Amino acid sequence: MCQFIHIPQQHHLKVVKRILHYLVGSQSHSLLRRCSSLNIIVFADIDCGFDPDDRKSTTEYTVFLGTNLVTWTSNKHKVVSTSLTDVEYQYWCRTN
């Protein structure tokens, strides 16, 4: 929903209300669990322009310590890419 904060529309409000309803109903749930191993596990994904609004790619990753979520991010690229190789190159240049 963050990408629509500058120009919100009525259907975005409905989605925000659904998210808030879910959060209120899941207050007893927890992201922290006891685990016997402290392995660091990273999941990463790059989608190649599947956003129908602007055709820009998105890069996401999550980091777990054992079974506990430590951090996550999702970044929309500033330019439109025509291939997955181009997307990965842009991401590599931005992070190195």
PDB file of N, CA and C in Angstrom:
ATOM      1  N   MET A   1       0.813  -1.183   0.000  1.00  0.00           N
ATOM      2  CA  MET A   1       0.000   0.000   0.000  1.00  0.00           C
ATOM      3  C   MET A   1       0.866   1.260   0.000  1.00  0.00           C
ATOM      4  N   CYS A   2       2.128   1.126   0.379  1.00  0.00           N
ATOM      5  CA  CYS A   2       3.006   2.304   0.455  1.00  0.00           C
ATOM      6  C   CYS A   2       3.169   3.001  -0.892  1.00  0.00           C
ATOM      7  N   GLN A   3       3.127   2.245  -1.969  1.00  0.00           N
ATOM      8  CA  GLN A   3       3.360   2.864  -3.268  1.00  0.00           C
ATOM      9  C   GLN A   3       2.190   3.731  -3.729  1.00  0.00           C
ATOM     10  N   PHE A   4       1.044   3.639  -3.048  1.00  0.00           N
ATOM     11  CA  PHE A   4      -0.119   4.435  -3.427  1.00  0.00           C
ATOM     12  C   PHE A   4      -0.420   5.546  -2.431  1.00  0.00           C
ATOM     13  N   ILE A   5       0.492   5.807  -1.500  1.00  0.00           N
ATOM     14  CA  ILE A   5       0.228   6.779  -0.441  1.00  0.00           C
ATOM     15  C   ILE A   5       0.083   8.204  -0.974  1.00  0.00           C
ATOM     16  N   HIS A   6       0.703   8.511  -2.093  1.00  0.00           N
ATOM     17  CA  HIS A   6       0.643   9.867  -2.636  1.00  0.00           C
ATOM     18  C   HIS A   6      -0.640  10.149  -3.412  1.00  0.00           C
ATOM     19  N   ILE A   7      -1.233   9.102  -3.977  1.00  0.00           N
ATOM     20  CA  ILE A   7      -2.489   9.271  -4.714  1.00  0.00           C
ATOM     21  C   ILE A   7      -3.462   8.149  -4.345  1.00  0.00           C
ATOM     22  N   PRO A   8      -3.904   8.092  -3.075  1.00  0.00           N
ATOM     23  CA  PRO A   8      -4.802   7.007  -2.662  1.00  0.00           C
ATOM     24  C   PRO A   8      -6.173   7.141  -3.319  1.00  0.00           C
ATOM     25  N   GLN A   9      -6.783   5.985  -3.570  1.00  0.00           N
ATOM     26  CA  GLN A   9      -8.121   5.952  -4.131  1.00  0.00           C
ATOM     27  C   GLN A   9      -9.008   5.126  -3.209  1.00  0.00           C
ATOM     28  N   GLN A  10     -10.282   5.064  -3.519  1.00  0.00           N
ATOM     29  CA  GLN A  10     -11.250   4.402  -2.650  1.00  0.00           C
ATOM     30  C   GLN A  10     -10.928   2.919  -2.447  1.00  0.00           C
ATOM     31  N   HIS A  11     -10.516   2.209  -3.498  1.00  0.00           N
ATOM     32  CA  HIS A  11     -10.237   0.780  -3.336  1.00  0.00           C
ATOM     33  C   HIS A  11      -8.990   0.544  -2.483  1.00  0.00           C
ATOM     34  N   HIS A  12      -8.075   1.514  -2.397  1.00  0.00           N
ATOM     35  CA  HIS A  12      -6.913   1.381  -1.517  1.00  0.00           C
ATOM     36  C   HIS A  12      -7.364   1.431  -0.051  1.00  0.00           C
ATOM     37  N   LEU A  13      -8.353   2.270   0.254  1.00  0.00           N
ATOM     38  CA  LEU A  13      -8.882   2.362   1.608  1.00  0.00           C
ATOM     39  C   LEU A  13      -9.502   1.029   2.039  1.00  0.00           C
ATOM     40  N   LYS A  14     -10.190   0.364   1.134  1.00  0.00           N
ATOM     41  CA  LYS A  14     -10.774  -0.944   1.445  1.00  0.00           C
ATOM     42  C   LYS A  14      -9.689  -1.955   1.790  1.00  0.00           C
ATOM     43  N   VAL A  15      -8.582  -1.931   1.050  1.00  0.00           N
ATOM     44  CA  VAL A  15      -7.477  -2.858   1.318  1.00  0.00           C
ATOM     45  C   VAL A  15      -6.839  -2.545   2.675  1.00  0.00           C
ATOM     46  N   VAL A  16      -6.645  -1.281   2.994  1.00  0.00           N
ATOM     47  CA  VAL A  16      -6.082  -0.895   4.291  1.00  0.00           C
ATOM     48  C   VAL A  16      -6.986  -1.366   5.421  1.00  0.00           C
ATOM     49  N   LYS A  17      -8.299  -1.231   5.264  1.00  0.00           N
ATOM     50  CA  LYS A  17      -9.237  -1.700   6.289  1.00  0.00           C
ATOM     51  C   LYS A  17      -9.139  -3.210   6.468  1.00  0.00           C
ATOM     52  N   ARG A  18      -8.960  -3.957   5.371  1.00  0.00           N
ATOM     53  CA  ARG A  18      -8.778  -5.413   5.474  1.00  0.00           C
ATOM     54  C   ARG A  18      -7.505  -5.756   6.229  1.00  0.00           C
ATOM     55  N   ILE A  19      -6.428  -5.017   5.953  1.00  0.00           N
ATOM     56  CA  ILE A  19      -5.158  -5.254   6.642  1.00  0.00           C
ATOM     57  C   ILE A  19      -5.307  -4.988   8.138  1.00  0.00           C
ATOM     58  N   LEU A  20      -5.933  -3.856   8.488  1.00  0.00           N
ATOM     59  CA  LEU A  20      -6.133  -3.525   9.900  1.00  0.00           C
ATOM     60  C   LEU A  20      -7.022  -4.556  10.600  1.00  0.00           C
ATOM     61  N   HIS A  21      -8.061  -5.019   9.928  1.00  0.00           N
ATOM     62  CA  HIS A  21      -8.934  -6.056  10.483  1.00  0.00           C
ATOM     63  C   HIS A  21      -8.135  -7.324  10.756  1.00  0.00           C
ATOM     64  N   TYR A  22      -7.261  -7.698   9.830  1.00  0.00           N
ATOM     65  CA  TYR A  22      -6.406  -8.880  10.027  1.00  0.00           C
ATOM     66  C   TYR A  22      -5.484  -8.687  11.229  1.00  0.00           C
ATOM     67  N   LEU A  23      -4.862  -7.516  11.348  1.00  0.00           N
ATOM     68  CA  LEU A  23      -3.933  -7.260  12.449  1.00  0.00           C
ATOM     69  C   LEU A  23      -4.626  -7.305  13.806  1.00  0.00           C
ATOM     70  N   VAL A  24      -5.839  -6.744  13.882  1.00  0.00           N
ATOM     71  CA  VAL A  24      -6.591  -6.784  15.139  1.00  0.00           C
ATOM     72  C   VAL A  24      -6.913  -8.234  15.503  1.00  0.00           C
ATOM     73  N   GLY A  25      -7.256  -9.042  14.529  1.00  0.00           N
ATOM     74  CA  GLY A  25      -7.608 -10.437  14.786  1.00  0.00           C
ATOM     75  C   GLY A  25      -6.431 -11.349  15.054  1.00  0.00           C
ATOM     76  N   SER A  26      -5.222 -10.881  14.792  1.00  0.00           N
ATOM     77  CA  SER A  26      -4.047 -11.747  14.981  1.00  0.00           C
ATOM     78  C   SER A  26      -3.083 -11.182  16.025  1.00  0.00           C
ATOM     79  N   GLN A  27      -3.596 -10.417  16.987  1.00  0.00           N
ATOM     80  CA  GLN A  27      -2.743  -9.826  18.021  1.00  0.00           C
ATOM     81  C   GLN A  27      -2.062 -10.857  18.896  1.00  0.00           C
ATOM     82  N   SER A  28      -2.663 -12.023  19.051  1.00  0.00           N
ATOM     83  CA  SER A  28      -2.065 -13.050  19.909  1.00  0.00           C
ATOM     84  C   SER A  28      -0.978 -13.852  19.187  1.00  0.00           C
ATOM     85  N   HIS A  29      -0.821 -13.650  17.918  1.00  0.00           N
ATOM     86  CA  HIS A  29       0.199 -14.353  17.158  1.00  0.00           C
ATOM     87  C   HIS A  29       1.546 -13.670  17.375  1.00  0.00           C
ATOM     88  N   SER A  30       2.617 -14.417  17.156  1.00  0.00           N
ATOM     89  CA  SER A  30       3.942 -13.856  17.392  1.00  0.00           C
ATOM     90  C   SER A  30       4.896 -14.284  16.290  1.00  0.00           C
ATOM     91  N   LEU A  31       5.828 -13.411  15.945  1.00  0.00           N
ATOM     92  CA  LEU A  31       6.860 -13.759  14.982  1.00  0.00           C
ATOM     93  C   LEU A  31       8.040 -14.457  15.653  1.00  0.00           C
ATOM     94  N   LEU A  32       8.174 -14.289  16.959  1.00  0.00           N
ATOM     95  CA  LEU A  32       9.299 -14.878  17.679  1.00  0.00           C
ATOM     96  C   LEU A  32       8.926 -16.257  18.200  1.00  0.00           C
ATOM     97  N   ARG A  33       9.787 -17.223  17.924  1.00  0.00           N
ATOM     98  CA  ARG A  33       9.601 -18.588  18.400  1.00  0.00           C
ATOM     99  C   ARG A  33      10.938 -19.100  18.894  1.00  0.00           C
ATOM    100  N   ARG A  34      10.894 -19.981  19.873  1.00  0.00           N
ATOM    101  CA  ARG A  34      12.135 -20.617  20.315  1.00  0.00           C
ATOM    102  C   ARG A  34      12.567 -21.596  19.234  1.00  0.00           C
ATOM    103  N   CYS A  35      13.864 -21.587  18.959  1.00  0.00           N
ATOM    104  CA  CYS A  35      14.374 -22.521  17.961  1.00  0.00           C
ATOM    105  C   CYS A  35      15.722 -23.038  18.428  1.00  0.00           C
ATOM    106  N   SER A  36      16.020 -24.268  18.044  1.00  0.00           N
ATOM    107  CA  SER A  36      17.265 -24.891  18.493  1.00  0.00           C
ATOM    108  C   SER A  36      18.462 -24.470  17.649  1.00  0.00           C
ATOM    109  N   SER A  37      18.233 -24.059  16.404  1.00  0.00           N
ATOM    110  CA  SER A  37      19.358 -23.652  15.567  1.00  0.00           C
ATOM    111  C   SER A  37      19.295 -22.157  15.307  1.00  0.00           C
ATOM    112  N   LEU A  38      20.453 -21.554  15.163  1.00  0.00           N
ATOM    113  CA  LEU A  38      20.531 -20.140  14.868  1.00  0.00           C
ATOM    114  C   LEU A  38      21.138 -19.920  13.482  1.00  0.00           C
ATOM    115  N   ASN A  39      20.661 -20.685  12.527  1.00  0.00           N
ATOM    116  CA  ASN A  39      21.118 -20.521  11.150  1.00  0.00           C
ATOM    117  C   ASN A  39      20.543 -19.231  10.572  1.00  0.00           C
ATOM    118  N   ILE A  40      21.340 -18.555   9.756  1.00  0.00           N
ATOM    119  CA  ILE A  40      20.854 -17.381   9.035  1.00  0.00           C
ATOM    120  C   ILE A  40      20.369 -17.853   7.670  1.00  0.00           C
ATOM    121  N   ILE A  41      19.118 -17.571   7.372  1.00  0.00           N
ATOM    122  CA  ILE A  41      18.510 -17.989   6.114  1.00  0.00           C
ATOM    123  C   ILE A  41      18.012 -16.737   5.402  1.00  0.00           C
ATOM    124  N   VAL A  42      18.364 -16.598   4.127  1.00  0.00           N
ATOM    125  CA  VAL A  42      17.973 -15.435   3.340  1.00  0.00           C
ATOM    126  C   VAL A  42      17.200 -15.905   2.118  1.00  0.00           C
ATOM    127  N   PHE A  43      16.051 -15.280   1.880  1.00  0.00           N
ATOM    128  CA  PHE A  43      15.267 -15.522   0.675  1.00  0.00           C
ATOM    129  C   PHE A  43      15.245 -14.227  -0.124  1.00  0.00           C
ATOM    130  N   ALA A  44      15.491 -14.315  -1.423  1.00  0.00           N
ATOM    131  CA  ALA A  44      15.475 -13.125  -2.275  1.00  0.00           C
ATOM    132  C   ALA A  44      14.678 -13.418  -3.532  1.00  0.00           C
ATOM    133  N   ASP A  45      14.075 -12.369  -4.087  1.00  0.00           N
ATOM    134  CA  ASP A  45      13.283 -12.527  -5.300  1.00  0.00           C
ATOM    135  C   ASP A  45      13.321 -11.224  -6.089  1.00  0.00           C
ATOM    136  N   ILE A  46      13.367 -11.347  -7.394  1.00  0.00           N
ATOM    137  CA  ILE A  46      13.277 -10.193  -8.288  1.00  0.00           C
ATOM    138  C   ILE A  46      12.177 -10.497  -9.294  1.00  0.00           C
ATOM    139  N   ASP A  47      11.170  -9.643  -9.357  1.00  0.00           N
ATOM    140  CA  ASP A  47      10.176  -9.817 -10.414  1.00  0.00           C
ATOM    141  C   ASP A  47      10.498  -8.846 -11.538  1.00  0.00           C
ATOM    142  N   CYS A  48      10.267  -9.284 -12.710  1.00  0.00           N
ATOM    143  CA  CYS A  48      10.706  -8.530 -13.890  1.00  0.00           C
ATOM    144  C   CYS A  48       9.534  -7.765 -14.498  1.00  0.00           C
ATOM    145  N   GLY A  49       9.180  -6.659 -13.905  1.00  0.00           N
ATOM    146  CA  GLY A  49       8.180  -5.765 -14.491  1.00  0.00           C
ATOM    147  C   GLY A  49       6.769  -6.289 -14.515  1.00  0.00           C
ATOM    148  N   PHE A  50       6.340  -7.001 -13.477  1.00  0.00           N
ATOM    149  CA  PHE A  50       4.995  -7.554 -13.480  1.00  0.00           C
ATOM    150  C   PHE A  50       3.944  -6.608 -12.915  1.00  0.00           C
ATOM    151  N   ASP A  51       4.347  -5.432 -12.458  1.00  0.00           N
ATOM    152  CA  ASP A  51       3.373  -4.455 -11.971  1.00  0.00           C
ATOM    153  C   ASP A  51       2.648  -3.871 -13.180  1.00  0.00           C
ATOM    154  N   PRO A  52       1.342  -4.103 -13.326  1.00  0.00           N
ATOM    155  CA  PRO A  52       0.635  -3.645 -14.525  1.00  0.00           C
ATOM    156  C   PRO A  52       0.510  -2.122 -14.619  1.00  0.00           C
ATOM    157  N   ASP A  53       0.703  -1.426 -13.488  1.00  0.00           N
ATOM    158  CA  ASP A  53       0.562   0.033 -13.512  1.00  0.00           C
ATOM    159  C   ASP A  53       1.743   0.735 -14.160  1.00  0.00           C
ATOM    160  N   ASP A  54       2.954   0.300 -13.839  1.00  0.00           N
ATOM    161  CA  ASP A  54       4.119   1.026 -14.366  1.00  0.00           C
ATOM    162  C   ASP A  54       5.190   0.138 -15.004  1.00  0.00           C
ATOM    163  N   ARG A  55       5.022  -1.189 -14.975  1.00  0.00           N
ATOM    164  CA  ARG A  55       5.943  -2.147 -15.606  1.00  0.00           C
ATOM    165  C   ARG A  55       7.345  -2.114 -15.003  1.00  0.00           C
ATOM    166  N   LYS A  56       7.503  -1.557 -13.800  1.00  0.00           N
ATOM    167  CA  LYS A  56       8.805  -1.515 -13.142  1.00  0.00           C
ATOM    168  C   LYS A  56       9.001  -2.784 -12.313  1.00  0.00           C
ATOM    169  N   SER A  57      10.238  -3.205 -12.194  1.00  0.00           N
ATOM    170  CA  SER A  57      10.559  -4.414 -11.453  1.00  0.00           C
ATOM    171  C   SER A  57      10.666  -4.127  -9.958  1.00  0.00           C
ATOM    172  N   THR A  58      10.520  -5.188  -9.170  1.00  0.00           N
ATOM    173  CA  THR A  58      10.615  -5.086  -7.726  1.00  0.00           C
ATOM    174  C   THR A  58      11.600  -6.136  -7.217  1.00  0.00           C
ATOM    175  N   THR A  59      12.439  -5.738  -6.271  1.00  0.00           N
ATOM    176  CA  THR A  59      13.383  -6.642  -5.634  1.00  0.00           C
ATOM    177  C   THR A  59      12.994  -6.772  -4.166  1.00  0.00           C
ATOM    178  N   GLU A  60      12.907  -8.018  -3.684  1.00  0.00           N
ATOM    179  CA  GLU A  60      12.545  -8.259  -2.296  1.00  0.00           C
ATOM    180  C   GLU A  60      13.527  -9.233  -1.667  1.00  0.00           C
ATOM    181  N   TYR A  61      13.732  -9.104  -0.346  1.00  0.00           N
ATOM    182  CA  TYR A  61      14.440 -10.145   0.375  1.00  0.00           C
ATOM    183  C   TYR A  61      13.980 -10.183   1.824  1.00  0.00           C
ATOM    184  N   THR A  62      14.121 -11.366   2.438  1.00  0.00           N
ATOM    185  CA  THR A  62      13.832 -11.549   3.853  1.00  0.00           C
ATOM    186  C   THR A  62      15.013 -12.264   4.493  1.00  0.00           C
ATOM    187  N   VAL A  63      15.285 -11.965   5.753  1.00  0.00           N
ATOM    188  CA  VAL A  63      16.369 -12.602   6.490  1.00  0.00           C
ATOM    189  C   VAL A  63      15.791 -13.188   7.768  1.00  0.00           C
ATOM    190  N   PHE A  64      16.079 -14.464   8.013  1.00  0.00           N
ATOM    191  CA  PHE A  64      15.629 -15.164   9.204  1.00  0.00           C
ATOM    192  C   PHE A  64      16.832 -15.587  10.024  1.00  0.00           C
ATOM    193  N   LEU A  65      16.702 -15.526  11.332  1.00  0.00           N
ATOM    194  CA  LEU A  65      17.661 -16.121  12.259  1.00  0.00           C
ATOM    195  C   LEU A  65      16.935 -17.282  12.903  1.00  0.00           C
ATOM    196  N   GLY A  66      17.283 -18.489  12.475  1.00  0.00           N
ATOM    197  CA  GLY A  66      16.491 -19.655  12.852  1.00  0.00           C
ATOM    198  C   GLY A  66      15.144 -19.549  12.177  1.00  0.00           C
ATOM    199  N   THR A  67      14.078 -19.547  12.977  1.00  0.00           N
ATOM    200  CA  THR A  67      12.730 -19.397  12.416  1.00  0.00           C
ATOM    201  C   THR A  67      12.169 -18.002  12.644  1.00  0.00           C
ATOM    202  N   ASN A  68      12.992 -17.086  13.145  1.00  0.00           N
ATOM    203  CA  ASN A  68      12.533 -15.725  13.465  1.00  0.00           C
ATOM    204  C   ASN A  68      12.909 -14.740  12.363  1.00  0.00           C
ATOM    205  N   LEU A  69      11.927 -13.985  11.915  1.00  0.00           N
ATOM    206  CA  LEU A  69      12.159 -12.948  10.912  1.00  0.00           C
ATOM    207  C   LEU A  69      12.960 -11.813  11.547  1.00  0.00           C
ATOM    208  N   VAL A  70      14.097 -11.467  10.914  1.00  0.00           N
ATOM    209  CA  VAL A  70      14.951 -10.399  11.426  1.00  0.00           C
ATOM    210  C   VAL A  70      14.700  -9.104  10.657  1.00  0.00           C
ATOM    211  N   THR A  71      14.697  -9.187   9.330  1.00  0.00           N
ATOM    212  CA  THR A  71      14.475  -8.004   8.517  1.00  0.00           C
ATOM    213  C   THR A  71      13.932  -8.410   7.154  1.00  0.00           C
ATOM    214  N   TRP A  72      13.331  -7.463   6.485  1.00  0.00           N
ATOM    215  CA  TRP A  72      12.850  -7.679   5.119  1.00  0.00           C
ATOM    216  C   TRP A  72      12.814  -6.341   4.412  1.00  0.00           C
ATOM    217  N   THR A  73      12.813  -6.399   3.090  1.00  0.00           N
ATOM    218  CA  THR A  73      12.697  -5.177   2.308  1.00  0.00           C
ATOM    219  C   THR A  73      12.064  -5.493   0.957  1.00  0.00           C
ATOM    220  N   SER A  74      11.497  -4.476   0.371  1.00  0.00           N
ATOM    221  CA  SER A  74      10.937  -4.564  -0.966  1.00  0.00           C
ATOM    222  C   SER A  74      11.180  -3.227  -1.640  1.00  0.00           C
ATOM    223  N   ASN A  75      11.890  -3.240  -2.758  1.00  0.00           N
ATOM    224  CA  ASN A  75      12.246  -2.003  -3.451  1.00  0.00           C
ATOM    225  C   ASN A  75      11.784  -2.047  -4.899  1.00  0.00           C
ATOM    226  N   LYS A  76      11.129  -0.979  -5.321  1.00  0.00           N
ATOM    227  CA  LYS A  76      10.728  -0.856  -6.717  1.00  0.00           C
ATOM    228  C   LYS A  76      11.845  -0.130  -7.468  1.00  0.00           C
ATOM    229  N   HIS A  77      12.227  -0.665  -8.604  1.00  0.00           N
ATOM    230  CA  HIS A  77      13.286  -0.051  -9.395  1.00  0.00           C
ATOM    231  C   HIS A  77      12.786   1.250 -10.022  1.00  0.00           C
ATOM    232  N   LYS A  78      13.712   2.159 -10.290  1.00  0.00           N
ATOM    233  CA  LYS A  78      13.332   3.467 -10.819  1.00  0.00           C
ATOM    234  C   LYS A  78      13.149   3.477 -12.329  1.00  0.00           C
ATOM    235  N   VAL A  79      13.688   2.484 -13.017  1.00  0.00           N
ATOM    236  CA  VAL A  79      13.579   2.436 -14.474  1.00  0.00           C
ATOM    237  C   VAL A  79      12.883   1.149 -14.893  1.00  0.00           C
ATOM    238  N   VAL A  80      12.317   1.153 -16.076  1.00  0.00           N
ATOM    239  CA  VAL A  80      11.677  -0.035 -16.637  1.00  0.00           C
ATOM    240  C   VAL A  80      12.746  -0.898 -17.281  1.00  0.00           C
ATOM    241  N   SER A  81      12.758  -2.185 -16.939  1.00  0.00           N
ATOM    242  CA  SER A  81      13.728  -3.126 -17.502  1.00  0.00           C
ATOM    243  C   SER A  81      13.024  -4.072 -18.449  1.00  0.00           C
ATOM    244  N   THR A  82      13.750  -4.511 -19.448  1.00  0.00           N
ATOM    245  CA  THR A  82      13.156  -5.407 -20.434  1.00  0.00           C
ATOM    246  C   THR A  82      13.576  -6.859 -20.251  1.00  0.00           C
ATOM    247  N   SER A  83      14.538  -7.126 -19.355  1.00  0.00           N
ATOM    248  CA  SER A  83      14.967  -8.498 -19.136  1.00  0.00           C
ATOM    249  C   SER A  83      15.370  -8.698 -17.681  1.00  0.00           C
ATOM    250  N   LEU A  84      15.324  -9.953 -17.231  1.00  0.00           N
ATOM    251  CA  LEU A  84      15.720 -10.274 -15.871  1.00  0.00           C
ATOM    252  C   LEU A  84      17.201  -9.990 -15.654  1.00  0.00           C
ATOM    253  N   THR A  85      18.025 -10.206 -16.657  1.00  0.00           N
ATOM    254  CA  THR A  85      19.453  -9.900 -16.545  1.00  0.00           C
ATOM    255  C   THR A  85      19.661  -8.419 -16.278  1.00  0.00           C
ATOM    256  N   ASP A  86      18.924  -7.576 -16.963  1.00  0.00           N
ATOM    257  CA  ASP A  86      19.012  -6.134 -16.763  1.00  0.00           C
ATOM    258  C   ASP A  86      18.599  -5.761 -15.338  1.00  0.00           C
ATOM    259  N   VAL A  87      17.534  -6.368 -14.829  1.00  0.00           N
ATOM    260  CA  VAL A  87      17.064  -6.106 -13.469  1.00  0.00           C
ATOM    261  C   VAL A  87      18.127  -6.505 -12.451  1.00  0.00           C
ATOM    262  N   GLU A  88      18.700  -7.702 -12.620  1.00  0.00           N
ATOM    263  CA  GLU A  88      19.712  -8.171 -11.685  1.00  0.00           C
ATOM    264  C   GLU A  88      20.962  -7.292 -11.741  1.00  0.00           C
ATOM    265  N   TYR A  89      21.343  -6.828 -12.918  1.00  0.00           N
ATOM    266  CA  TYR A  89      22.498  -5.940 -13.045  1.00  0.00           C
ATOM    267  C   TYR A  89      22.247  -4.612 -12.330  1.00  0.00           C
ATOM    268  N   GLN A  90      21.059  -4.055 -12.493  1.00  0.00           N
ATOM    269  CA  GLN A  90      20.727  -2.803 -11.817  1.00  0.00           C
ATOM    270  C   GLN A  90      20.773  -2.982 -10.300  1.00  0.00           C
ATOM    271  N   TYR A  91      20.244  -4.115  -9.821  1.00  0.00           N
ATOM    272  CA  TYR A  91      20.249  -4.375  -8.384  1.00  0.00           C
ATOM    273  C   TYR A  91      21.684  -4.522  -7.892  1.00  0.00           C
ATOM    274  N   TRP A  92      22.504  -5.251  -8.623  1.00  0.00           N
ATOM    275  CA  TRP A  92      23.901  -5.454  -8.226  1.00  0.00           C
ATOM    276  C   TRP A  92      24.644  -4.124  -8.182  1.00  0.00           C
ATOM    277  N   CYS A  93      24.443  -3.265  -9.173  1.00  0.00           N
ATOM    278  CA  CYS A  93      25.117  -1.963  -9.206  1.00  0.00           C
ATOM    279  C   CYS A  93      24.682  -1.083  -8.035  1.00  0.00           C
ATOM    280  N   ARG A  94      23.412  -1.186  -7.653  1.00  0.00           N
ATOM    281  CA  ARG A  94      22.893  -0.361  -6.565  1.00  0.00           C
ATOM    282  C   ARG A  94      23.418  -0.823  -5.210  1.00  0.00           C
ATOM    283  N   THR A  95      23.675  -2.129  -5.045  1.00  0.00           N
ATOM    284  CA  THR A  95      24.087  -2.647  -3.750  1.00  0.00           C
ATOM    285  C   THR A  95      25.595  -2.741  -3.594  1.00  0.00           C
ATOM    286  N   ASN A  96      26.357  -2.600  -4.667  1.00  0.00           N
ATOM    287  CA  ASN A  96      27.822  -2.717  -4.557  1.00  0.00           C
ATOM    288  C   ASN A  96      28.515  -1.396  -4.810  1.00  0.00           C
TER     289      ASN A  96
END
